[in-house]
C-alpha atoms as a PDB file:
ATOM      1  CA  UNK A   1     172.246 152.439  81.372  1.00  0.00           C
ATOM      2  CA  UNK A   2     169.256 154.483  82.611  1.00  0.00           C
ATOM      3  CA  UNK A   3     166.296 153.064  84.510  1.00  0.00           C
ATOM      4  CA  UNK A   4     163.995 153.343  81.531  1.00  0.00           C
ATOM      5  CA  UNK A   5     166.261 151.461  79.049  1.00  0.00           C
ATOM      6  CA  UNK A   6     165.347 147.886  78.298  1.00  0.00           C
ATOM      7  CA  UNK A   7     168.036 145.216  78.642  1.00  0.00           C
ATOM      8  CA  UNK A   8     168.030 142.961  75.754  1.00  0.00           C
ATOM      9  CA  UNK A   9     169.627 139.483  76.170  1.00  0.00           C
ATOM     10  CA  UNK A  10     172.027 140.254  73.274  1.00  0.00           C
ATOM     11  CA  UNK A  11     173.289 143.318  75.092  1.00  0.00           C
ATOM     12  CA  UNK A  12     175.369 141.285  77.500  1.00  0.00           C
ATOM     13  CA  UNK A  13     176.237 138.252  75.351  1.00  0.00           C
ATOM     14  CA  UNK A  14     179.271 137.865  73.146  1.00  0.00           C
ATOM     15  CA  UNK A  15     178.773 136.800  69.636  1.00  0.00           C
ATOM     16  CA  UNK A  16     178.728 133.011  69.592  1.00  0.00           C
ATOM     17  CA  UNK A  17     179.380 131.026  66.519  1.00  0.00           C
ATOM     18  CA  UNK A  18     176.263 129.035  65.560  1.00  0.00           C
ATOM     19  CA  UNK A  19     177.934 126.651  63.182  1.00  0.00           C
ATOM     20  CA  UNK A  20     176.880 122.971  63.141  1.00  0.00           C
ATOM     21  CA  UNK A  21     180.269 122.057  64.664  1.00  0.00           C
ATOM     22  CA  UNK A  22     179.548 124.279  67.695  1.00  0.00           C
ATOM     23  CA  UNK A  23     176.179 122.755  68.168  1.00  0.00           C
ATOM     24  CA  UNK A  24     177.589 119.230  67.886  1.00  0.00           C
ATOM     25  CA  UNK A  25     180.249 120.077  70.432  1.00  0.00           C
ATOM     26  CA  UNK A  26     177.771 121.641  72.835  1.00  0.00           C
ATOM     27  CA  UNK A  27     175.425 118.737  72.480  1.00  0.00           C
ATOM     28  CA  UNK A  28     178.181 116.270  73.125  1.00  0.00           C
ATOM     29  CA  UNK A  29     179.242 118.203  76.245  1.00  0.00           C
ATOM     30  CA  UNK A  30     175.667 118.157  77.561  1.00  0.00           C
ATOM     31  CA  UNK A  31     175.453 114.436  77.015  1.00  0.00           C
ATOM     32  CA  UNK A  32     178.705 113.855  78.869  1.00  0.00           C
ATOM     33  CA  UNK A  33     177.498 116.011  81.773  1.00  0.00           C
ATOM     34  CA  UNK A  34     174.221 114.056  81.983  1.00  0.00           C
ATOM     35  CA  UNK A  35     176.111 110.771  81.938  1.00  0.00           C
ATOM     36  CA  UNK A  36     178.358 112.007  84.777  1.00  0.00           C
ATOM     37  CA  UNK A  37     175.331 113.103  86.718  1.00  0.00           C
ATOM     38  CA  UNK A  38     173.625 109.746  86.296  1.00  0.00           C
ATOM     39  CA  UNK A  39     176.739 107.878  87.398  1.00  0.00           C
ATOM     40  CA  UNK A  40     177.177 110.228  90.385  1.00  0.00           C
ATOM     41  CA  UNK A  41     173.567 109.775  91.447  1.00  0.00           C
ATOM     42  CA  UNK A  42     173.838 105.958  91.387  1.00  0.00           C
ATOM     43  CA  UNK A  43     177.169 105.980  93.181  1.00  0.00           C
ATOM     44  CA  UNK A  44     176.055 108.418  95.911  1.00  0.00           C
ATOM     45  CA  UNK A  45     172.767 106.545  96.355  1.00  0.00           C
ATOM     46  CA  UNK A  46     174.595 103.186  96.738  1.00  0.00           C
ATOM     47  CA  UNK A  47     177.063 104.673  99.190  1.00  0.00           C
ATOM     48  CA  UNK A  48     174.238 106.145 101.263  1.00  0.00           C
ATOM     49  CA  UNK A  49     172.363 102.832 101.159  1.00  0.00           C
ATOM     50  CA  UNK A  50     175.421 100.964 102.394  1.00  0.00           C
ATOM     51  CA  UNK A  51     175.831 103.404 105.318  1.00  0.00           C
ATOM     52  CA  UNK A  52     172.122 103.061 106.154  1.00  0.00           C
ATOM     53  CA  UNK A  53     172.332  99.295 105.699  1.00  0.00           C
ATOM     54  CA  UNK A  54     169.616  99.276 103.041  1.00  0.00           C
ATOM     55  CA  UNK A  55     169.530  96.569 100.391  1.00  0.00           C
ATOM     56  CA  UNK A  56     170.864  97.853  97.051  1.00  0.00           C
ATOM     57  CA  UNK A  57     167.595  96.866  95.309  1.00  0.00           C
ATOM     58  CA  UNK A  58     165.574  99.152  97.627  1.00  0.00           C
ATOM     59  CA  UNK A  59     167.942 102.054  97.082  1.00  0.00           C
ATOM     60  CA  UNK A  60     167.872 101.670  93.307  1.00  0.00           C
ATOM     61  CA  UNK A  61     164.030 101.415  93.373  1.00  0.00           C
ATOM     62  CA  UNK A  62     163.906 104.852  95.054  1.00  0.00           C
ATOM     63  CA  UNK A  63     165.933 106.541  92.288  1.00  0.00           C
ATOM     64  CA  UNK A  64     164.508 104.542  89.372  1.00  0.00           C
ATOM     65  CA  UNK A  65     162.022 107.267  88.284  1.00  0.00           C
ATOM     66  CA  UNK A  66     164.828 109.843  88.201  1.00  0.00           C
ATOM     67  CA  UNK A  67     167.071 107.444  86.310  1.00  0.00           C
ATOM     68  CA  UNK A  68     164.312 106.797  83.807  1.00  0.00           C
ATOM     69  CA  UNK A  69     163.972 110.607  83.175  1.00  0.00           C
ATOM     70  CA  UNK A  70     167.772 110.975  82.763  1.00  0.00           C
ATOM     71  CA  UNK A  71     167.842 107.989  80.390  1.00  0.00           C
ATOM     72  CA  UNK A  72     164.997 109.377  78.295  1.00  0.00           C
ATOM     73  CA  UNK A  73     166.760 112.725  78.089  1.00  0.00           C
ATOM     74  CA  UNK A  74     170.014 111.069  77.094  1.00  0.00           C
ATOM     75  CA  UNK A  75     168.212 109.089  74.385  1.00  0.00           C
ATOM     76  CA  UNK A  76     166.674 112.281  73.026  1.00  0.00           C
ATOM     77  CA  UNK A  77     170.015 114.179  73.119  1.00  0.00           C
ATOM     78  CA  UNK A  78     171.834 111.298  71.400  1.00  0.00           C
ATOM     79  CA  UNK A  79     169.170 111.245  68.681  1.00  0.00           C
ATOM     80  CA  UNK A  80     169.645 114.978  68.123  1.00  0.00           C
ATOM     81  CA  UNK A  81     173.401 114.467  68.009  1.00  0.00           C
ATOM     82  CA  UNK A  82     173.019 111.701  65.481  1.00  0.00           C
ATOM     83  CA  UNK A  83     170.787 113.840  63.302  1.00  0.00           C
ATOM     84  CA  UNK A  84     173.251 116.713  63.434  1.00  0.00           C
ATOM     85  CA  UNK A  85     176.248 114.536  62.630  1.00  0.00           C
ATOM     86  CA  UNK A  86     174.504 112.738  59.730  1.00  0.00           C
ATOM     87  CA  UNK A  87     173.355 116.040  58.206  1.00  0.00           C
ATOM     88  CA  UNK A  88     177.020 117.252  57.870  1.00  0.00           C
END
Protein backbone atom coordinates (compact mmCIF):
# COMPACT_ATOMS: atom_id res chain seq x y z
CA UNK A 1 0.00 0.00 0.00
CA UNK A 2 1.38 3.44 -0.86
CA UNK A 3 1.65 6.36 1.54
CA UNK A 4 -1.31 8.15 0.01
CA UNK A 5 -3.77 5.27 0.25
CA UNK A 6 -6.22 5.33 3.12
CA UNK A 7 -6.55 2.32 5.36
CA UNK A 8 -10.14 1.41 5.95
CA UNK A 9 -10.99 -0.69 9.00
CA UNK A 10 -12.58 -3.30 6.76
CA UNK A 11 -9.31 -3.71 4.83
CA UNK A 12 -7.72 -5.75 7.60
CA UNK A 13 -10.75 -7.46 9.07
CA UNK A 14 -12.11 -10.84 8.15
CA UNK A 15 -15.77 -11.09 7.38
CA UNK A 16 -17.55 -11.72 10.64
CA UNK A 17 -20.99 -13.21 10.84
CA UNK A 18 -23.40 -10.74 12.37
CA UNK A 19 -26.15 -13.17 13.16
CA UNK A 20 -28.03 -12.81 16.43
CA UNK A 21 -26.41 -16.04 17.66
CA UNK A 22 -22.97 -14.49 17.25
CA UNK A 23 -24.03 -11.36 19.12
CA UNK A 24 -25.54 -13.44 21.92
CA UNK A 25 -22.37 -15.53 22.18
CA UNK A 26 -20.14 -12.45 22.19
CA UNK A 27 -22.29 -10.72 24.78
CA UNK A 28 -22.28 -13.80 27.01
CA UNK A 29 -18.49 -13.94 26.69
CA UNK A 30 -18.12 -10.28 27.69
CA UNK A 31 -20.39 -10.83 30.69
CA UNK A 32 -18.31 -13.84 31.79
CA UNK A 33 -15.09 -11.82 31.47
CA UNK A 34 -16.52 -8.95 33.54
CA UNK A 35 -17.65 -11.44 36.21
CA UNK A 36 -14.15 -12.93 36.33
CA UNK A 37 -12.61 -9.47 36.55
CA UNK A 38 -14.92 -8.51 39.43
CA UNK A 39 -14.10 -11.69 41.32
CA UNK A 40 -10.38 -11.25 40.72
CA UNK A 41 -10.53 -7.62 41.90
CA UNK A 42 -12.23 -8.62 45.15
CA UNK A 43 -9.90 -11.57 45.77
CA UNK A 44 -6.72 -9.61 45.06
CA UNK A 45 -7.90 -6.70 47.20
CA UNK A 46 -8.71 -8.99 50.11
CA UNK A 47 -5.36 -10.77 49.81
CA UNK A 48 -3.51 -7.44 49.79
CA UNK A 49 -5.57 -6.23 52.76
CA UNK A 50 -4.66 -9.34 54.75
CA UNK A 51 -0.96 -8.85 54.00
CA UNK A 52 -1.22 -5.20 55.02
CA UNK A 53 -3.28 -6.16 58.08
CA UNK A 54 -6.17 -3.94 57.03
CA UNK A 55 -9.72 -4.75 58.09
CA UNK A 56 -11.75 -6.34 55.28
CA UNK A 57 -14.40 -3.60 55.55
CA UNK A 58 -11.82 -0.89 54.87
CA UNK A 59 -10.44 -2.76 51.87
CA UNK A 60 -13.88 -3.30 50.39
CA UNK A 61 -14.80 0.35 50.96
CA UNK A 62 -11.85 1.39 48.80
CA UNK A 63 -13.00 -0.69 45.82
CA UNK A 64 -16.74 -0.16 46.28
CA UNK A 65 -16.96 2.61 43.61
CA UNK A 66 -15.23 0.35 41.07
CA UNK A 67 -17.47 -2.59 42.02
CA UNK A 68 -20.54 -0.39 41.57
CA UNK A 69 -19.40 0.52 38.04
CA UNK A 70 -18.74 -3.12 37.20
CA UNK A 71 -22.12 -4.18 38.61
CA UNK A 72 -23.92 -1.45 36.64
CA UNK A 73 -22.14 -2.56 33.47
CA UNK A 74 -23.03 -6.17 34.15
CA UNK A 75 -26.69 -5.25 34.71
CA UNK A 76 -26.74 -3.38 31.40
CA UNK A 77 -25.07 -6.23 29.52
CA UNK A 78 -27.43 -8.79 31.05
CA UNK A 79 -30.42 -6.65 30.01
CA UNK A 80 -29.06 -6.51 26.45
CA UNK A 81 -28.55 -10.26 26.47
CA UNK A 82 -32.07 -10.83 27.74
CA UNK A 83 -33.46 -8.57 25.02
CA UNK A 84 -31.52 -10.43 22.32
CA UNK A 85 -32.55 -13.86 23.57
CA UNK A 86 -36.25 -12.96 23.89
CA UNK A 87 -36.31 -11.48 20.36
CA UNK A 88 -35.20 -14.80 18.81
